Amino acid sequence: MNIVLKQECLRFNRLIDVVKKSLVNVCKALDGEVVMSKELEILADNIFDVQVPGLWKSVSYPSLKPLGSYVEDLVKRLNFFNEWIANGIPHTYWVSGFYFTQSFLTGTLQNHARRNKISIDQLVFNFEIVSNINKDHKESPKTGCYVYGLYLDGAGWDNTTNILCESKPKQLYTSMPMIQLLPAINNDEYMEKMKSKIVYDCPVYKTSKRAGALSTTGHSTNYVMNIKLPSNKKNQGHWVCRGVAMLCQLDN
C-alpha cells in the first residue's frame, strides 16, 4: 500500500503542478506580462465557460464534472491522501478518490497473497455489503478492505435486506453502503458457490460515460471492475436491460 500511495502522490503532484503553472501564466498573460499564446487563450476561455481546461484533462483522472465541482472533488482527493500520509493506512478507503484505481485493487490482492503465501494469479474478489458501518469506522477488517464512495445507476438498494431493488421514482442515483473486498481463491469450489447465488455482476465505471480507452498499463481508462451484488429472484438479464452499473463519481 505504500507503493500505491507513492504512485498516487506522484500523479496528483503532476496534476497540481500543471494547474498551478497554467493559472500563473494565464494571469500574467491577462496582465500583459507575457504573450497570450493560443494555449493560454483556450485555457482562459475554458475557465470563463466554467469548463475543466483541456490542458488539465491531459494529466488528470477521468471526470465529467464542471470546473467548480472538479476543483472541489480534487481538493477532497488531496485531503484523503494527506490524511493517509499523516495518520497511516486508513481503516476504510474512498475508492472513488484514487487516480488509478486498479493499482489499489492489485495492492489489496498482493497483500493477501503474501500474507497467506498464495499466488496472486489464483485470487479474485468476493464482495460483502456492510451497511452497518460508515467511512469513519475505526477498525480494519481481518481480510481484505472496506471501500466506500460508489453510486448505483439504474437501480436502487434495499438497506433492510441488502439486495438490489427497483429505483425509487425520480431517483437517478443511489449511494451504496460500505463494501468489503474479500480476496478468495478462484477454484472449482468457489465457482460452484457463485453458481448457487442469485447475483448481478455489476460493472463499475469511473464516470457515467461508461466508455474508455485501453491505457499503456493494459487497463481501461474508465472501466474498473465487476462487483457481484445480491439480487432478488430477478435474473441477470433483468438488470442488464435496465443498464444497471456503479459509478465512482457523478457528473455534478
Protein backbone atom coordinates (compact mmCIF):
# COMPACT_ATOMS: atom_id res chain seq x y z
CA MET A 1 0.00 0.00 0.00
CA ASN A 2 2.98 2.33 0.48
CA ILE A 3 3.81 1.87 -3.21
CA VAL A 4 0.18 2.60 -4.14
CA LEU A 5 0.28 5.77 -2.03
CA LYS A 6 3.58 6.89 -3.57
CA GLN A 7 2.30 6.37 -7.12
CA GLU A 8 -0.92 8.25 -6.37
CA CYS A 9 1.02 11.17 -4.90
CA LEU A 10 3.26 11.35 -7.98
CA ARG A 11 0.23 11.50 -10.28
CA PHE A 12 -1.57 14.14 -8.21
CA ASN A 13 1.61 16.22 -7.80
CA ARG A 14 1.99 16.28 -11.60
CA LEU A 15 -1.63 17.45 -11.95
CA ILE A 16 -1.21 20.13 -9.27
CA ASP A 17 1.98 21.37 -10.95
CA VAL A 18 0.22 21.76 -14.33
CA VAL A 19 -2.78 23.51 -12.73
CA LYS A 20 -0.61 25.92 -10.75
CA LYS A 21 1.74 26.85 -13.60
CA SER A 22 -1.10 27.29 -16.12
CA LEU A 23 -3.05 29.58 -13.77
CA VAL A 24 0.03 31.69 -13.03
CA ASN A 25 0.81 32.01 -16.75
CA VAL A 26 -2.75 32.95 -17.74
CA CYS A 27 -2.82 35.64 -15.04
CA LYS A 28 0.48 37.05 -16.37
CA ALA A 29 -0.91 36.99 -19.91
CA LEU A 30 -4.03 38.90 -18.83
CA ASP A 31 -1.80 41.47 -17.11
CA GLY A 32 0.31 41.82 -20.26
CA GLU A 33 3.48 40.44 -18.66
CA VAL A 34 3.76 37.54 -21.15
CA VAL A 35 2.39 36.85 -24.62
CA MET A 36 -1.15 35.43 -24.71
CA SER A 37 -0.47 32.21 -26.61
CA LYS A 38 -3.18 30.11 -28.26
CA GLU A 39 -2.89 27.55 -25.44
CA LEU A 40 -3.35 30.20 -22.74
CA GLU A 41 -6.27 31.75 -24.65
CA ILE A 42 -8.06 28.39 -24.79
CA LEU A 43 -7.35 27.91 -21.06
CA ALA A 44 -8.84 31.32 -20.23
CA ASP A 45 -11.91 30.60 -22.40
CA ASN A 46 -12.44 27.23 -20.66
CA ILE A 47 -12.31 28.85 -17.23
CA PHE A 48 -14.70 31.61 -18.36
CA ASP A 49 -17.11 28.91 -19.61
CA VAL A 50 -16.78 27.02 -16.28
CA GLN A 51 -15.21 24.01 -18.02
CA VAL A 52 -12.21 21.95 -17.00
CA PRO A 53 -9.36 23.10 -19.31
CA GLY A 54 -8.11 20.54 -21.82
CA LEU A 55 -4.56 21.12 -20.55
CA TRP A 56 -5.62 19.87 -17.12
CA LYS A 57 -7.57 16.94 -18.57
CA SER A 58 -4.43 15.69 -20.34
CA VAL A 59 -2.83 14.88 -16.98
CA SER A 60 -5.99 14.39 -14.92
CA TYR A 61 -8.07 11.44 -13.79
CA PRO A 62 -11.31 10.91 -15.81
CA SER A 63 -14.03 13.37 -14.84
CA LEU A 64 -17.16 14.84 -16.43
CA LYS A 65 -17.71 17.46 -13.72
CA PRO A 66 -17.90 21.21 -14.45
CA LEU A 67 -14.97 23.31 -13.27
CA GLY A 68 -16.29 24.24 -9.81
CA SER A 69 -17.24 20.68 -8.88
CA TYR A 70 -13.99 19.36 -10.37
CA VAL A 71 -11.87 21.62 -8.16
CA GLU A 72 -13.93 20.68 -5.10
CA ASP A 73 -13.52 16.99 -5.95
CA LEU A 74 -9.76 17.42 -6.46
CA VAL A 75 -9.39 19.07 -3.04
CA LYS A 76 -11.28 16.17 -1.41
CA ARG A 77 -8.95 13.66 -3.08
CA LEU A 78 -5.88 15.55 -1.90
CA ASN A 79 -7.27 15.71 1.65
CA PHE A 80 -7.86 11.94 1.58
CA PHE A 81 -4.23 11.24 0.71
CA ASN A 82 -2.94 13.90 3.12
CA GLU A 83 -4.79 12.13 5.95
CA TRP A 84 -3.33 8.81 4.77
CA ILE A 85 0.19 10.27 4.92
CA ALA A 86 -0.38 11.91 8.31
CA ASN A 87 -2.28 9.11 10.10
CA GLY A 88 -1.12 5.94 8.36
CA ILE A 89 -3.07 3.38 6.33
CA PRO A 90 -6.82 4.18 6.64
CA HIS A 91 -9.34 1.70 8.01
CA THR A 92 -11.73 2.49 5.14
CA TYR A 93 -10.79 3.58 1.62
CA TRP A 94 -12.51 6.15 -0.56
CA VAL A 95 -12.22 4.01 -3.68
CA SER A 96 -13.51 6.85 -5.87
CA GLY A 97 -10.64 9.09 -4.79
CA PHE A 98 -7.88 7.09 -6.47
CA TYR A 99 -6.34 8.36 -9.69
CA PHE A 100 -5.51 4.80 -10.82
CA THR A 101 -7.99 2.56 -9.00
CA GLN A 102 -6.62 -0.70 -10.43
CA SER A 103 -3.30 -0.25 -8.60
CA PHE A 104 -5.15 -0.14 -5.28
CA LEU A 105 -7.12 -3.29 -6.13
CA THR A 106 -3.94 -5.11 -7.16
CA GLY A 107 -2.20 -3.94 -3.99
CA THR A 108 -5.02 -5.39 -1.88
CA LEU A 109 -4.68 -8.77 -3.61
CA GLN A 110 -0.89 -8.69 -3.25
CA ASN A 111 -1.13 -8.07 0.49
CA HIS A 112 -3.43 -11.07 0.89
CA ALA A 113 -1.28 -13.25 -1.38
CA ARG A 114 1.92 -12.52 0.55
CA ARG A 115 0.26 -12.88 3.94
CA ASN A 116 -1.14 -16.30 3.05
CA LYS A 117 1.65 -17.39 0.65
CA ILE A 118 -0.72 -17.77 -2.29
CA SER A 119 -0.07 -16.91 -5.93
CA ILE A 120 -1.85 -13.66 -6.78
CA ASP A 121 -2.99 -15.22 -10.08
CA GLN A 122 -5.25 -17.57 -8.09
CA LEU A 123 -7.09 -14.76 -6.31
CA VAL A 124 -10.31 -12.95 -7.16
CA PHE A 125 -12.53 -10.64 -5.14
CA ASN A 126 -15.60 -11.63 -3.19
CA PHE A 127 -17.89 -8.81 -2.09
CA GLU A 128 -19.89 -8.23 1.05
CA ILE A 129 -22.17 -5.24 1.60
CA VAL A 130 -21.61 -3.86 5.10
CA SER A 131 -24.41 -1.37 5.72
CA ASN A 132 -23.90 -1.07 9.50
CA ILE A 133 -20.60 0.87 9.35
CA ASN A 134 -19.58 4.19 7.76
CA LYS A 135 -16.38 5.78 6.47
CA ASP A 136 -15.36 6.83 10.00
CA HIS A 137 -15.11 3.19 11.15
CA LYS A 138 -12.01 2.80 13.36
CA GLU A 139 -11.15 -0.84 12.72
CA SER A 140 -9.79 -2.55 9.62
CA PRO A 141 -11.23 -5.93 8.56
CA LYS A 142 -9.18 -9.07 9.18
CA THR A 143 -9.40 -9.93 5.47
CA GLY A 144 -9.47 -7.55 2.53
CA CYS A 145 -10.55 -3.95 2.98
CA TYR A 146 -13.56 -1.65 3.30
CA VAL A 147 -14.34 0.73 0.41
CA TYR A 148 -16.96 3.46 0.02
CA GLY A 149 -17.92 6.20 -2.41
CA LEU A 150 -19.77 4.26 -5.13
CA TYR A 151 -23.12 5.19 -6.69
CA LEU A 152 -25.68 2.82 -8.18
CA ASP A 153 -27.12 3.89 -11.53
CA GLY A 154 -30.28 2.30 -12.93
CA ALA A 155 -31.40 0.52 -9.75
CA GLY A 156 -31.95 1.07 -6.04
CA TRP A 157 -30.58 -0.62 -2.95
CA ASP A 158 -32.66 -2.09 -0.12
CA ASN A 159 -30.68 -1.48 3.09
CA THR A 160 -33.01 -3.74 5.06
CA THR A 161 -32.47 -6.90 3.01
CA ASN A 162 -29.17 -5.85 1.38
CA ILE A 163 -30.29 -6.66 -2.17
CA LEU A 164 -30.83 -4.82 -5.44
CA CYS A 165 -34.26 -3.33 -5.98
CA GLU A 166 -36.01 -1.04 -8.43
CA SER A 167 -35.15 2.66 -8.34
CA LYS A 168 -37.47 4.98 -6.49
CA PRO A 169 -39.43 7.48 -8.63
CA LYS A 170 -37.29 10.47 -9.74
CA GLN A 171 -34.19 8.98 -8.11
CA LEU A 172 -31.37 8.78 -10.66
CA TYR A 173 -28.57 7.53 -8.41
CA THR A 174 -28.35 5.64 -5.14
CA SER A 175 -25.38 5.96 -2.78
CA MET A 176 -24.05 2.48 -1.97
CA PRO A 177 -23.20 1.46 1.61
CA MET A 178 -19.75 0.25 2.62
CA ILE A 179 -18.45 -2.71 0.62
CA GLN A 180 -15.87 -5.20 1.90
CA LEU A 181 -13.50 -6.56 -0.74
CA LEU A 182 -12.66 -10.14 0.22
CA PRO A 183 -9.84 -11.90 -1.69
CA ALA A 184 -10.74 -15.55 -2.42
CA ILE A 185 -9.12 -18.43 -4.29
CA ASN A 186 -10.67 -18.89 -7.72
CA ASN A 187 -11.13 -22.69 -7.83
CA ASP A 188 -13.94 -25.17 -8.60
CA GLU A 189 -15.37 -24.82 -5.09
CA TYR A 190 -15.57 -21.05 -5.49
CA MET A 191 -17.26 -21.35 -8.90
CA GLU A 192 -19.89 -23.76 -7.56
CA LYS A 193 -20.56 -21.43 -4.65
CA MET A 194 -21.09 -18.50 -7.02
CA LYS A 195 -23.48 -20.51 -9.22
CA SER A 196 -25.71 -21.20 -6.23
CA LYS A 197 -26.19 -17.48 -5.54
CA ILE A 198 -28.52 -15.06 -7.32
CA VAL A 199 -26.28 -12.09 -8.04
CA TYR A 200 -25.90 -9.35 -10.60
CA ASP A 201 -22.38 -8.94 -12.00
CA CYS A 202 -22.41 -5.16 -11.81
CA PRO A 203 -19.77 -3.22 -13.80
CA VAL A 204 -18.05 -0.30 -12.08
CA TYR A 205 -17.02 2.79 -14.06
CA LYS A 206 -15.11 5.92 -13.06
CA THR A 207 -17.59 8.20 -14.85
CA SER A 208 -21.09 7.93 -16.27
CA LYS A 209 -19.71 7.88 -19.82
CA ARG A 210 -19.28 4.09 -19.49
CA ALA A 211 -16.64 4.05 -22.19
CA GLY A 212 -12.88 4.28 -22.16
CA ALA A 213 -9.68 3.57 -24.00
CA LEU A 214 -7.01 0.97 -23.33
CA SER A 215 -4.16 2.66 -21.45
CA THR A 216 -0.47 1.75 -21.59
CA THR A 217 -0.90 -0.30 -18.39
CA GLY A 218 -3.32 -2.65 -20.16
CA HIS A 219 -6.31 -1.36 -18.18
CA SER A 220 -9.30 0.65 -19.33
CA THR A 221 -9.21 4.37 -18.58
CA ASN A 222 -12.83 4.21 -17.34
CA TYR A 223 -13.90 0.64 -16.52
CA VAL A 224 -12.70 -0.53 -13.09
CA MET A 225 -14.07 -3.99 -12.26
CA ASN A 226 -17.27 -6.02 -11.76
CA ILE A 227 -18.88 -6.29 -8.31
CA LYS A 228 -21.31 -9.12 -7.62
CA LEU A 229 -24.40 -7.63 -5.96
CA PRO A 230 -27.04 -9.83 -4.27
CA SER A 231 -30.30 -9.77 -6.18
CA ASN A 232 -33.82 -10.99 -5.54
CA LYS A 233 -35.42 -13.56 -7.83
CA LYS A 234 -34.83 -11.33 -10.86
CA ASN A 235 -32.06 -12.70 -13.05
CA GLN A 236 -29.02 -11.04 -14.56
CA GLY A 237 -30.83 -10.09 -17.77
CA HIS A 238 -33.40 -8.02 -15.87
CA TRP A 239 -30.73 -5.65 -14.56
CA VAL A 240 -28.75 -5.69 -17.82
CA CYS A 241 -31.83 -4.39 -19.69
CA ARG A 242 -32.00 -1.52 -17.20
CA GLY A 243 -28.32 -0.70 -17.76
CA VAL A 244 -27.51 -1.04 -14.07
CA ALA A 245 -23.93 -0.07 -13.18
CA MET A 246 -21.98 1.54 -10.38
CA LEU A 247 -20.14 4.85 -10.76
CA CYS A 248 -17.19 6.19 -8.83
CA GLN A 249 -18.34 9.78 -9.30
CA LEU A 250 -21.35 11.73 -10.51
CA ASP A 251 -21.35 14.43 -13.16
CA ASN A 252 -22.17 17.33 -10.85
